[in-house]
Every structure is written in structure tokens, then in C-alpha cells.
Amino acid sequence: SSSSDPGYRNDLKHMAVCIQGLANRQA
């Protein structure tokens, strides 16, 4: 939330939630 680059924030969060969705399919 304190990052000065909104694009980087978007990209890291999007990456993180995609992996979260894939990993949580199994358990």
C-alpha cells in the first residue's frame, strides 16, 4: 500500500492471487 508504483502493486497482487487460486484447489 505504500509502494509508489501502482503498476507494480497491480502486477504483484495479480500474480499472487493467481497462484493462490491454483494452490488452494488441492487444499
mmCIF file of all heavy atoms, coordinates in Angstrom:
data_MODEL
# 
_entry.id   MODEL 
# 
loop_
_atom_site.group_PDB 
_atom_site.id 
_atom_site.type_symbol 
_atom_site.label_atom_id 
_atom_site.label_alt_id 
_atom_site.label_comp_id 
_atom_site.label_asym_id 
_atom_site.label_entity_id 
_atom_site.label_seq_id 
_atom_site.pdbx_PDB_ins_code 
_atom_site.Cartn_x 
_atom_site.Cartn_y 
_atom_site.Cartn_z 
_atom_site.occupancy 
_atom_site.B_iso_or_equiv 
_atom_site.pdbx_formal_charge 
_atom_site.auth_seq_id 
_atom_site.auth_comp_id 
_atom_site.auth_asym_id 
_atom_site.auth_atom_id 
_atom_site.pdbx_PDB_model_num 
ATOM 1   N N   . SER A 1 1  ? 0.817  -1.208  0.000   1.00 0.00 ? 1  SER A N   1 
ATOM 2   C CA  . SER A 1 1  ? 0.000  0.000   0.000   1.00 0.00 ? 1  SER A CA  1 
ATOM 3   C C   . SER A 1 1  ? 0.849  1.257   0.000   1.00 0.00 ? 1  SER A C   1 
ATOM 4   O O   . SER A 1 1  ? 0.395  2.332   -0.399  1.00 0.00 ? 1  SER A O   1 
ATOM 5   C CB  . SER A 1 1  ? -0.929 0.008   1.212   1.00 0.00 ? 1  SER A CB  1 
ATOM 6   O OG  . SER A 1 1  ? -0.175 0.008   2.416   1.00 0.00 ? 1  SER A OG  1 
ATOM 7   N N   . SER A 1 2  ? 2.111  1.139   0.433   1.00 0.00 ? 2  SER A N   1 
ATOM 8   C CA  . SER A 1 2  ? 2.997  2.299   0.454   1.00 0.00 ? 2  SER A CA  1 
ATOM 9   C C   . SER A 1 2  ? 3.906  2.367   -0.773  1.00 0.00 ? 2  SER A C   1 
ATOM 10  O O   . SER A 1 2  ? 4.725  3.270   -0.895  1.00 0.00 ? 2  SER A O   1 
ATOM 11  C CB  . SER A 1 2  ? 3.866  2.269   1.720   1.00 0.00 ? 2  SER A CB  1 
ATOM 12  O OG  . SER A 1 2  ? 4.671  1.100   1.749   1.00 0.00 ? 2  SER A OG  1 
ATOM 13  N N   . SER A 1 3  ? 3.750  1.424   -1.696  1.00 0.00 ? 3  SER A N   1 
ATOM 14  C CA  . SER A 1 3  ? 4.569  1.429   -2.897  1.00 0.00 ? 3  SER A CA  1 
ATOM 15  C C   . SER A 1 3  ? 4.195  2.613   -3.783  1.00 0.00 ? 3  SER A C   1 
ATOM 16  O O   . SER A 1 3  ? 3.025  2.941   -3.956  1.00 0.00 ? 3  SER A O   1 
ATOM 17  C CB  . SER A 1 3  ? 4.374  0.118   -3.669  1.00 0.00 ? 3  SER A CB  1 
ATOM 18  O OG  . SER A 1 3  ? 4.998  0.192   -4.937  1.00 0.00 ? 3  SER A OG  1 
ATOM 19  N N   . SER A 1 4  ? 5.199  3.262   -4.352  1.00 0.00 ? 4  SER A N   1 
ATOM 20  C CA  . SER A 1 4  ? 4.955  4.438   -5.187  1.00 0.00 ? 4  SER A CA  1 
ATOM 21  C C   . SER A 1 4  ? 4.558  4.075   -6.613  1.00 0.00 ? 4  SER A C   1 
ATOM 22  O O   . SER A 1 4  ? 4.145  4.937   -7.380  1.00 0.00 ? 4  SER A O   1 
ATOM 23  C CB  . SER A 1 4  ? 6.212  5.323   -5.223  1.00 0.00 ? 4  SER A CB  1 
ATOM 24  O OG  . SER A 1 4  ? 7.309  4.588   -5.762  1.00 0.00 ? 4  SER A OG  1 
ATOM 25  N N   . ASP A 1 5  ? 4.673  2.814   -6.963  1.00 0.00 ? 5  ASP A N   1 
ATOM 26  C CA  . ASP A 1 5  ? 4.387  2.381   -8.331  1.00 0.00 ? 5  ASP A CA  1 
ATOM 27  C C   . ASP A 1 5  ? 3.091  1.566   -8.343  1.00 0.00 ? 5  ASP A C   1 
ATOM 28  O O   . ASP A 1 5  ? 3.092  0.392   -7.976  1.00 0.00 ? 5  ASP A O   1 
ATOM 29  C CB  . ASP A 1 5  ? 5.540  1.534   -8.862  1.00 0.00 ? 5  ASP A CB  1 
ATOM 30  C CG  . ASP A 1 5  ? 5.350  1.131   -10.323 1.00 0.00 ? 5  ASP A CG  1 
ATOM 31  O OD1 . ASP A 1 5  ? 4.246  1.347   -10.867 1.00 0.00 ? 5  ASP A OD1 1 
ATOM 32  O OD2 . ASP A 1 5  ? 6.295  0.586   -10.914 1.00 0.00 ? 5  ASP A OD2 1 
ATOM 33  N N   . PRO A 1 6  ? 1.976  2.169   -8.770  1.00 0.00 ? 6  PRO A N   1 
ATOM 34  C CA  . PRO A 1 6  ? 0.709  1.424   -8.771  1.00 0.00 ? 6  PRO A CA  1 
ATOM 35  C C   . PRO A 1 6  ? 0.723  0.243   -9.736  1.00 0.00 ? 6  PRO A C   1 
ATOM 36  O O   . PRO A 1 6  ? 0.034  -0.750  -9.512  1.00 0.00 ? 6  PRO A O   1 
ATOM 37  C CB  . PRO A 1 6  ? -0.320 2.480   -9.188  1.00 0.00 ? 6  PRO A CB  1 
ATOM 38  C CG  . PRO A 1 6  ? 0.461  3.517   -9.911  1.00 0.00 ? 6  PRO A CG  1 
ATOM 39  C CD  . PRO A 1 6  ? 1.809  3.548   -9.263  1.00 0.00 ? 6  PRO A CD  1 
ATOM 40  N N   . GLY A 1 7  ? 1.493  0.340   -10.803 1.00 0.00 ? 7  GLY A N   1 
ATOM 41  C CA  . GLY A 1 7  ? 1.590  -0.773  -11.739 1.00 0.00 ? 7  GLY A CA  1 
ATOM 42  C C   . GLY A 1 7  ? 2.229  -1.989  -11.102 1.00 0.00 ? 7  GLY A C   1 
ATOM 43  O O   . GLY A 1 7  ? 1.764  -3.115  -11.285 1.00 0.00 ? 7  GLY A O   1 
ATOM 44  N N   . TYR A 1 8  ? 3.292  -1.763  -10.347 1.00 0.00 ? 8  TYR A N   1 
ATOM 45  C CA  . TYR A 1 8  ? 3.956  -2.872  -9.661  1.00 0.00 ? 8  TYR A CA  1 
ATOM 46  C C   . TYR A 1 8  ? 3.021  -3.496  -8.629  1.00 0.00 ? 8  TYR A C   1 
ATOM 47  O O   . TYR A 1 8  ? 2.969  -4.716  -8.479  1.00 0.00 ? 8  TYR A O   1 
ATOM 48  C CB  . TYR A 1 8  ? 5.240  -2.389  -8.996  1.00 0.00 ? 8  TYR A CB  1 
ATOM 49  C CG  . TYR A 1 8  ? 6.010  -3.489  -8.304  1.00 0.00 ? 8  TYR A CG  1 
ATOM 50  C CD1 . TYR A 1 8  ? 6.873  -4.314  -9.029  1.00 0.00 ? 8  TYR A CD1 1 
ATOM 51  C CD2 . TYR A 1 8  ? 5.866  -3.726  -6.935  1.00 0.00 ? 8  TYR A CD2 1 
ATOM 52  C CE1 . TYR A 1 8  ? 7.579  -5.338  -8.407  1.00 0.00 ? 8  TYR A CE1 1 
ATOM 53  C CE2 . TYR A 1 8  ? 6.561  -4.744  -6.310  1.00 0.00 ? 8  TYR A CE2 1 
ATOM 54  C CZ  . TYR A 1 8  ? 7.417  -5.548  -7.049  1.00 0.00 ? 8  TYR A CZ  1 
ATOM 55  O OH  . TYR A 1 8  ? 8.107  -6.571  -6.439  1.00 0.00 ? 8  TYR A OH  1 
ATOM 56  N N   . ARG A 1 9  ? 2.283  -2.660  -7.903  1.00 0.00 ? 9  ARG A N   1 
ATOM 57  C CA  . ARG A 1 9  ? 1.316  -3.181  -6.930  1.00 0.00 ? 9  ARG A CA  1 
ATOM 58  C C   . ARG A 1 9  ? 0.302  -4.084  -7.619  1.00 0.00 ? 9  ARG A C   1 
ATOM 59  O O   . ARG A 1 9  ? -0.014 -5.174  -7.143  1.00 0.00 ? 9  ARG A O   1 
ATOM 60  C CB  . ARG A 1 9  ? 0.582  -2.030  -6.235  1.00 0.00 ? 9  ARG A CB  1 
ATOM 61  C CG  . ARG A 1 9  ? 1.422  -1.204  -5.310  1.00 0.00 ? 9  ARG A CG  1 
ATOM 62  C CD  . ARG A 1 9  ? 0.571  -0.450  -4.294  1.00 0.00 ? 9  ARG A CD  1 
ATOM 63  N NE  . ARG A 1 9  ? -0.427 0.411   -4.909  1.00 0.00 ? 9  ARG A NE  1 
ATOM 64  C CZ  . ARG A 1 9  ? -0.261 1.696   -5.151  1.00 0.00 ? 9  ARG A CZ  1 
ATOM 65  N NH1 . ARG A 1 9  ? 0.899  2.270   -4.876  1.00 0.00 ? 9  ARG A NH1 1 
ATOM 66  N NH2 . ARG A 1 9  ? -1.232 2.424   -5.671  1.00 0.00 ? 9  ARG A NH2 1 
ATOM 67  N N   . ASN A 1 10 ? -0.233 -3.608  -8.741  1.00 0.00 ? 10 ASN A N   1 
ATOM 68  C CA  . ASN A 1 10 ? -1.204 -4.395  -9.508  1.00 0.00 ? 10 ASN A CA  1 
ATOM 69  C C   . ASN A 1 10 ? -0.615 -5.732  -9.917  1.00 0.00 ? 10 ASN A C   1 
ATOM 70  O O   . ASN A 1 10 ? -1.236 -6.791  -9.744  1.00 0.00 ? 10 ASN A O   1 
ATOM 71  C CB  . ASN A 1 10 ? -1.639 -3.612  -10.742 1.00 0.00 ? 10 ASN A CB  1 
ATOM 72  C CG  . ASN A 1 10 ? -2.565 -4.394  -11.652 1.00 0.00 ? 10 ASN A CG  1 
ATOM 73  O OD1 . ASN A 1 10 ? -3.773 -4.376  -11.498 1.00 0.00 ? 10 ASN A OD1 1 
ATOM 74  N ND2 . ASN A 1 10 ? -2.006 -5.099  -12.624 1.00 0.00 ? 10 ASN A ND2 1 
ATOM 75  N N   . ASP A 1 11 ? 0.593  -5.689  -10.462 1.00 0.00 ? 11 ASP A N   1 
ATOM 76  C CA  . ASP A 1 11 ? 1.191  -6.897  -11.027 1.00 0.00 ? 11 ASP A CA  1 
ATOM 77  C C   . ASP A 1 11 ? 1.525  -7.931  -9.959  1.00 0.00 ? 11 ASP A C   1 
ATOM 78  O O   . ASP A 1 11 ? 1.294  -9.137  -10.148 1.00 0.00 ? 11 ASP A O   1 
ATOM 79  C CB  . ASP A 1 11 ? 2.446  -6.526  -11.820 1.00 0.00 ? 11 ASP A CB  1 
ATOM 80  C CG  . ASP A 1 11 ? 2.144  -5.618  -12.999 1.00 0.00 ? 11 ASP A CG  1 
ATOM 81  O OD1 . ASP A 1 11 ? 0.963  -5.511  -13.372 1.00 0.00 ? 11 ASP A OD1 1 
ATOM 82  O OD2 . ASP A 1 11 ? 3.085  -5.004  -13.536 1.00 0.00 ? 11 ASP A OD2 1 
ATOM 83  N N   . LEU A 1 12 ? 2.071  -7.473  -8.834  1.00 0.00 ? 12 LEU A N   1 
ATOM 84  C CA  . LEU A 1 12 ? 2.419  -8.423  -7.783  1.00 0.00 ? 12 LEU A CA  1 
ATOM 85  C C   . LEU A 1 12 ? 1.172  -9.044  -7.171  1.00 0.00 ? 12 LEU A C   1 
ATOM 86  O O   . LEU A 1 12 ? 1.115  -10.257 -6.924  1.00 0.00 ? 12 LEU A O   1 
ATOM 87  C CB  . LEU A 1 12 ? 3.257  -7.734  -6.703  1.00 0.00 ? 12 LEU A CB  1 
ATOM 88  C CG  . LEU A 1 12 ? 3.745  -8.651  -5.575  1.00 0.00 ? 12 LEU A CG  1 
ATOM 89  C CD1 . LEU A 1 12 ? 4.621  -9.770  -6.132  1.00 0.00 ? 12 LEU A CD1 1 
ATOM 90  C CD2 . LEU A 1 12 ? 4.515  -7.866  -4.519  1.00 0.00 ? 12 LEU A CD2 1 
ATOM 91  N N   . LYS A 1 13 ? 0.153  -8.212  -6.934  1.00 0.00 ? 13 LYS A N   1 
ATOM 92  C CA  . LYS A 1 13 ? -1.087 -8.742  -6.365  1.00 0.00 ? 13 LYS A CA  1 
ATOM 93  C C   . LYS A 1 13 ? -1.761 -9.720  -7.315  1.00 0.00 ? 13 LYS A C   1 
ATOM 94  O O   . LYS A 1 13 ? -2.258 -10.772 -6.886  1.00 0.00 ? 13 LYS A O   1 
ATOM 95  C CB  . LYS A 1 13 ? -2.034 -7.594  -6.029  1.00 0.00 ? 13 LYS A CB  1 
ATOM 96  C CG  . LYS A 1 13 ? -1.598 -6.748  -4.845  1.00 0.00 ? 13 LYS A CG  1 
ATOM 97  C CD  . LYS A 1 13 ? -2.582 -5.613  -4.612  1.00 0.00 ? 13 LYS A CD  1 
ATOM 98  C CE  . LYS A 1 13 ? -2.161 -4.740  -3.444  1.00 0.00 ? 13 LYS A CE  1 
ATOM 99  N NZ  . LYS A 1 13 ? -3.092 -3.611  -3.228  1.00 0.00 ? 13 LYS A NZ  1 
ATOM 100 N N   . HIS A 1 14 ? -1.785 -9.376  -8.602  1.00 0.00 ? 14 HIS A N   1 
ATOM 101 C CA  . HIS A 1 14 ? -2.436 -10.257 -9.570  1.00 0.00 ? 14 HIS A CA  1 
ATOM 102 C C   . HIS A 1 14 ? -1.707 -11.598 -9.648  1.00 0.00 ? 14 HIS A C   1 
ATOM 103 O O   . HIS A 1 14 ? -2.324 -12.662 -9.684  1.00 0.00 ? 14 HIS A O   1 
ATOM 104 C CB  . HIS A 1 14 ? -2.473 -9.581  -10.940 1.00 0.00 ? 14 HIS A CB  1 
ATOM 105 C CG  . HIS A 1 14 ? -3.523 -10.122 -11.846 1.00 0.00 ? 14 HIS A CG  1 
ATOM 106 N ND1 . HIS A 1 14 ? -3.732 -9.648  -13.122 1.00 0.00 ? 14 HIS A ND1 1 
ATOM 107 C CD2 . HIS A 1 14 ? -4.446 -11.103 -11.679 1.00 0.00 ? 14 HIS A CD2 1 
ATOM 108 C CE1 . HIS A 1 14 ? -4.730 -10.302 -13.691 1.00 0.00 ? 14 HIS A CE1 1 
ATOM 109 N NE2 . HIS A 1 14 ? -5.171 -11.199 -12.831 1.00 0.00 ? 14 HIS A NE2 1 
ATOM 110 N N   . MET A 1 15 ? -0.387 -11.546 -9.673  1.00 0.00 ? 15 MET A N   1 
ATOM 111 C CA  . MET A 1 15 ? 0.397  -12.773 -9.659  1.00 0.00 ? 15 MET A CA  1 
ATOM 112 C C   . MET A 1 15 ? 0.099  -13.596 -8.418  1.00 0.00 ? 15 MET A C   1 
ATOM 113 O O   . MET A 1 15 ? -0.121 -14.808 -8.480  1.00 0.00 ? 15 MET A O   1 
ATOM 114 C CB  . MET A 1 15 ? 1.888  -12.410 -9.722  1.00 0.00 ? 15 MET A CB  1 
ATOM 115 C CG  . MET A 1 15 ? 2.856  -13.588 -9.679  1.00 0.00 ? 15 MET A CG  1 
ATOM 116 S SD  . MET A 1 15 ? 3.225  -14.232 -8.022  1.00 0.00 ? 15 MET A SD  1 
ATOM 117 C CE  . MET A 1 15 ? 3.898  -12.777 -7.225  1.00 0.00 ? 15 MET A CE  1 
ATOM 118 N N   . ALA A 1 16 ? 0.057  -12.907 -7.274  1.00 0.00 ? 16 ALA A N   1 
ATOM 119 C CA  . ALA A 1 16 ? -0.141 -13.619 -6.006  1.00 0.00 ? 16 ALA A CA  1 
ATOM 120 C C   . ALA A 1 16 ? -1.497 -14.300 -5.936  1.00 0.00 ? 16 ALA A C   1 
ATOM 121 O O   . ALA A 1 16 ? -1.601 -15.447 -5.482  1.00 0.00 ? 16 ALA A O   1 
ATOM 122 C CB  . ALA A 1 16 ? 0.021  -12.642 -4.835  1.00 0.00 ? 16 ALA A CB  1 
ATOM 123 N N   . VAL A 1 17 ? -2.553 -13.620 -6.391  1.00 0.00 ? 17 VAL A N   1 
ATOM 124 C CA  . VAL A 1 17 ? -3.886 -14.227 -6.290  1.00 0.00 ? 17 VAL A CA  1 
ATOM 125 C C   . VAL A 1 17 ? -4.066 -15.350 -7.305  1.00 0.00 ? 17 VAL A C   1 
ATOM 126 O O   . VAL A 1 17 ? -4.811 -16.303 -7.049  1.00 0.00 ? 17 VAL A O   1 
ATOM 127 C CB  . VAL A 1 17 ? -5.010 -13.173 -6.425  1.00 0.00 ? 17 VAL A CB  1 
ATOM 128 C CG1 . VAL A 1 17 ? -4.942 -12.171 -5.297  1.00 0.00 ? 17 VAL A CG1 1 
ATOM 129 C CG2 . VAL A 1 17 ? -4.991 -12.475 -7.776  1.00 0.00 ? 17 VAL A CG2 1 
ATOM 130 N N   . CYS A 1 18 ? -3.405 -15.251 -8.464  1.00 0.00 ? 18 CYS A N   1 
ATOM 131 C CA  . CYS A 1 18 ? -3.485 -16.363 -9.430  1.00 0.00 ? 18 CYS A CA  1 
ATOM 132 C C   . CYS A 1 18 ? -2.882 -17.634 -8.835  1.00 0.00 ? 18 CYS A C   1 
ATOM 133 O O   . CYS A 1 18 ? -3.487 -18.712 -8.899  1.00 0.00 ? 18 CYS A O   1 
ATOM 134 C CB  . CYS A 1 18 ? -2.764 -15.998 -10.726 1.00 0.00 ? 18 CYS A CB  1 
ATOM 135 S SG  . CYS A 1 18 ? -3.656 -14.864 -11.814 1.00 0.00 ? 18 CYS A SG  1 
ATOM 136 N N   . ILE A 1 19 ? -1.713 -17.506 -8.234  1.00 0.00 ? 19 ILE A N   1 
ATOM 137 C CA  . ILE A 1 19 ? -1.087 -18.678 -7.612  1.00 0.00 ? 19 ILE A CA  1 
ATOM 138 C C   . ILE A 1 19 ? -1.909 -19.157 -6.429  1.00 0.00 ? 19 ILE A C   1 
ATOM 139 O O   . ILE A 1 19 ? -2.044 -20.368 -6.196  1.00 0.00 ? 19 ILE A O   1 
ATOM 140 C CB  . ILE A 1 19 ? 0.358  -18.342 -7.186  1.00 0.00 ? 19 ILE A CB  1 
ATOM 141 C CG1 . ILE A 1 19 ? 1.222  -18.102 -8.435  1.00 0.00 ? 19 ILE A CG1 1 
ATOM 142 C CG2 . ILE A 1 19 ? 0.947  -19.452 -6.328  1.00 0.00 ? 19 ILE A CG2 1 
ATOM 143 C CD1 . ILE A 1 19 ? 2.657  -17.753 -8.133  1.00 0.00 ? 19 ILE A CD1 1 
ATOM 144 N N   . GLN A 1 20 ? -2.481 -18.231 -5.667  1.00 0.00 ? 20 GLN A N   1 
ATOM 145 C CA  . GLN A 1 20 ? -3.340 -18.606 -4.549  1.00 0.00 ? 20 GLN A CA  1 
ATOM 146 C C   . GLN A 1 20 ? -4.496 -19.473 -5.022  1.00 0.00 ? 20 GLN A C   1 
ATOM 147 O O   . GLN A 1 20 ? -4.809 -20.505 -4.404  1.00 0.00 ? 20 GLN A O   1 
ATOM 148 C CB  . GLN A 1 20 ? -3.870 -17.352 -3.859  1.00 0.00 ? 20 GLN A CB  1 
ATOM 149 C CG  . GLN A 1 20 ? -4.754 -17.626 -2.644  1.00 0.00 ? 20 GLN A CG  1 
ATOM 150 C CD  . GLN A 1 20 ? -5.343 -16.354 -2.064  1.00 0.00 ? 20 GLN A CD  1 
ATOM 151 O OE1 . GLN A 1 20 ? -5.590 -15.384 -2.780  1.00 0.00 ? 20 GLN A OE1 1 
ATOM 152 N NE2 . GLN A 1 20 ? -5.569 -16.343 -0.762  1.00 0.00 ? 20 GLN A NE2 1 
ATOM 153 N N   . GLY A 1 21 ? -5.142 -19.080 -6.106  1.00 0.00 ? 21 GLY A N   1 
ATOM 154 C CA  . GLY A 1 21 ? -6.261 -19.861 -6.638  1.00 0.00 ? 21 GLY A CA  1 
ATOM 155 C C   . GLY A 1 21 ? -5.841 -21.241 -7.080  1.00 0.00 ? 21 GLY A C   1 
ATOM 156 O O   . GLY A 1 21 ? -6.558 -22.230 -6.840  1.00 0.00 ? 21 GLY A O   1 
ATOM 157 N N   . LEU A 1 22 ? -4.675 -21.346 -7.716  1.00 0.00 ? 22 LEU A N   1 
ATOM 158 C CA  . LEU A 1 22 ? -4.190 -22.650 -8.185  1.00 0.00 ? 22 LEU A CA  1 
ATOM 159 C C   . LEU A 1 22 ? -3.796 -23.551 -7.007  1.00 0.00 ? 22 LEU A C   1 
ATOM 160 O O   . LEU A 1 22 ? -4.153 -24.732 -6.972  1.00 0.00 ? 22 LEU A O   1 
ATOM 161 C CB  . LEU A 1 22 ? -2.984 -22.455 -9.108  1.00 0.00 ? 22 LEU A CB  1 
ATOM 162 C CG  . LEU A 1 22 ? -3.229 -21.686 -10.417 1.00 0.00 ? 22 LEU A CG  1 
ATOM 163 C CD1 . LEU A 1 22 ? -1.918 -21.490 -11.167 1.00 0.00 ? 22 LEU A CD1 1 
ATOM 164 C CD2 . LEU A 1 22 ? -4.238 -22.412 -11.299 1.00 0.00 ? 22 LEU A CD2 1 
ATOM 165 N N   . ALA A 1 23 ? -3.081 -22.989 -6.048  1.00 0.00 ? 23 ALA A N   1 
ATOM 166 C CA  . ALA A 1 23 ? -2.592 -23.801 -4.916  1.00 0.00 ? 23 ALA A CA  1 
ATOM 167 C C   . ALA A 1 23 ? -3.727 -24.273 -4.024  1.00 0.00 ? 23 ALA A C   1 
ATOM 168 O O   . ALA A 1 23 ? -3.692 -25.390 -3.495  1.00 0.00 ? 23 ALA A O   1 
ATOM 169 C CB  . ALA A 1 23 ? -1.584 -22.988 -4.109  1.00 0.00 ? 23 ALA A CB  1 
ATOM 170 N N   . ASN A 1 24 ? -4.754 -23.451 -3.884  1.00 0.00 ? 24 ASN A N   1 
ATOM 171 C CA  . ASN A 1 24 ? -5.831 -23.793 -2.960  1.00 0.00 ? 24 ASN A CA  1 
ATOM 172 C C   . ASN A 1 24 ? -6.862 -24.756 -3.555  1.00 0.00 ? 24 ASN A C   1 
ATOM 173 O O   . ASN A 1 24 ? -7.804 -25.149 -2.863  1.00 0.00 ? 24 ASN A O   1 
ATOM 174 C CB  . ASN A 1 24 ? -6.528 -22.526 -2.476  1.00 0.00 ? 24 ASN A CB  1 
ATOM 175 C CG  . ASN A 1 24 ? -5.694 -21.756 -1.468  1.00 0.00 ? 24 ASN A CG  1 
ATOM 176 O OD1 . ASN A 1 24 ? -4.681 -22.261 -0.993  1.00 0.00 ? 24 ASN A OD1 1 
ATOM 177 N ND2 . ASN A 1 24 ? -6.102 -20.545 -1.149  1.00 0.00 ? 24 ASN A ND2 1 
ATOM 178 N N   . ARG A 1 25 ? -6.692 -25.143 -4.793  1.00 0.00 ? 25 ARG A N   1 
ATOM 179 C CA  . ARG A 1 25 ? -7.597 -26.144 -5.368  1.00 0.00 ? 25 ARG A CA  1 
ATOM 180 C C   . ARG A 1 25 ? -7.443 -27.489 -4.672  1.00 0.00 ? 25 ARG A C   1 
ATOM 181 O O   . ARG A 1 25 ? -8.405 -28.228 -4.496  1.00 0.00 ? 25 ARG A O   1 
ATOM 182 C CB  . ARG A 1 25 ? -7.300 -26.326 -6.865  1.00 0.00 ? 25 ARG A CB  1 
ATOM 183 C CG  . ARG A 1 25 ? -7.894 -25.266 -7.760  1.00 0.00 ? 25 ARG A CG  1 
ATOM 184 C CD  . ARG A 1 25 ? -7.549 -25.557 -9.197  1.00 0.00 ? 25 ARG A CD  1 
ATOM 185 N NE  . ARG A 1 25 ? -8.019 -24.497 -10.082 1.00 0.00 ? 25 ARG A NE  1 
ATOM 186 C CZ  . ARG A 1 25 ? -7.603 -24.323 -11.318 1.00 0.00 ? 25 ARG A CZ  1 
ATOM 187 N NH1 . ARG A 1 25 ? -6.674 -25.151 -11.807 1.00 0.00 ? 25 ARG A NH1 1 
ATOM 188 N NH2 . ARG A 1 25 ? -8.079 -23.353 -12.063 1.00 0.00 ? 25 ARG A NH2 1 
ATOM 189 N N   . GLN A 1 26 ? -6.239 -27.834 -4.304  1.00 0.00 ? 26 GLN A N   1 
ATOM 190 C CA  . GLN A 1 26 ? -5.980 -29.134 -3.702  1.00 0.00 ? 26 GLN A CA  1 
ATOM 191 C C   . GLN A 1 26 ? -6.367 -29.168 -2.235  1.00 0.00 ? 26 GLN A C   1 
ATOM 192 O O   . GLN A 1 26 ? -6.891 -30.156 -1.738  1.00 0.00 ? 26 GLN A O   1 
ATOM 193 C CB  . GLN A 1 26 ? -4.486 -29.478 -3.846  1.00 0.00 ? 26 GLN A CB  1 
ATOM 194 C CG  . GLN A 1 26 ? -3.958 -29.361 -5.269  1.00 0.00 ? 26 GLN A CG  1 
ATOM 195 C CD  . GLN A 1 26 ? -4.698 -30.237 -6.245  1.00 0.00 ? 26 GLN A CD  1 
ATOM 196 O OE1 . GLN A 1 26 ? -5.019 -31.378 -5.939  1.00 0.00 ? 26 GLN A OE1 1 
ATOM 197 N NE2 . GLN A 1 26 ? -4.976 -29.711 -7.435  1.00 0.00 ? 26 GLN A NE2 1 
ATOM 198 N N   . ALA A 1 27 ? -6.100 -28.082 -1.547  1.00 0.00 ? 27 ALA A N   1 
ATOM 199 C CA  . ALA A 1 27 ? -6.403 -27.964 -0.113  1.00 0.00 ? 27 ALA A CA  1 
ATOM 200 C C   . ALA A 1 27 ? -6.203 -26.508 0.269   1.00 0.00 ? 27 ALA A C   1 
ATOM 201 O O   . ALA A 1 27 ? -5.491 -25.787 -0.419  1.00 0.00 ? 27 ALA A O   1 
ATOM 202 C CB  . ALA A 1 27 ? -5.480 -28.869 0.710   1.00 0.00 ? 27 ALA A CB  1 
# 
